[in-house]
Amino acid sequence: MALFKTKAAAVSEELASQIGESDTLSIKLRRMVRRNKLAAFSGVLLALLVLCAVFAPVLTPYDAVTGDIAQRLKPPSAAHWLGTDEMGRDVLTRLLYGARVSLAVGVVPTLASMIIGAALGMAAGYLGGKADHIIMRLADVMLAFPSLLLAMVIMYTLGGSVLNIFLALTLISWASVARVARSETISLKESEYVEAARSIGVRPARIILRHILPNCIPSFIVLFTLNVPGAILSESSLSFLGIGIQLPNSSWGLMVNMGRQFLYNAPWISLAPSAAIMLVVLCCNFLGDGLRDALDPHLNND
């Protein structure tokens, strides 16, 4: 019996190592950079936007909250590259500081929903039975509601704040992640290395963390890049409706909402954040498509 367990453990480790070493994540990412220049450029552009948001106080001399009424509604110029808003604030400055909130709203709720959805989905897929039924029926209930409408109800109930919008976007996003994690787990739990680990008495939690989760990471990376723009668009919609980010905070959606009454005489107030939202969404989608092509084993032939 001891010899059998030793051999089973060796088989499990060998198969898992072969899967991990057959085509590492770094090799796949280098392949993506070599093959898909648009995806690589999108990733670089997103990194530059993050750096601009982090170093906003260094990049602009203006204050994002207080303005100069004498400079209100000034068109783009050498002093104000993107013009000024109705309170005389520099639009570029507000755009850089708003990127902090908008990008955080895109990343933090998406990451939280990925963690929750992955944990519940892998548990449902591996355990099956009643656990699978309860978790997936709860996910079906969440998916039955229109996501933006559900987020609006949560924001109306809890009030507009950064923390509440994080909570709302997390609650409306975890169910789709759970479905993907469940399907991946169901296909992996019948693998030889999982069967070998199960035969020697390895606990389910350890099997999920050690053998199933690492093989789901490529799918989760692609899903993350594709869900981030959805979160940014949801925040922009909520802020545009007046129930998202509130003053004195700045976000791109709030900037679009504040500038809509000046579309005819000062369109740059809304056009600048709208262009920023479109740019980030396009870059995330291009990057997600490139990662999907690079990490999908059915599309890799070299």
Foldseek 3Di string as FASTA:
>chain_A
DVVLLVVLLVVLVVVLVCVCPVAHPVNLVVVLVVPPVLLVVLVVVVVVLVVLLVCLVVVDVFDLQAADCVQALAPADPNQNLGAHNRHGRLVSLASPQSVLLLCLLQLLLVLLLVLLLVLLLCLQQVPDPSVVVSLVVLVVLVVDDLLVQLLVQLVVPFADSVSLSVSSNSSRNSVSSNLNNVQNNVQCPDSSNVSCVVSPDDPVCCCVPRRVVVCVLVSVLVSLLRSLVSSVSQLVCLLVPRYHDPPRGHLSVQLNSCPVCCPSRVSSNVVSVVVSVSNNVSSVSNSVSSCLSPDPVNDDD
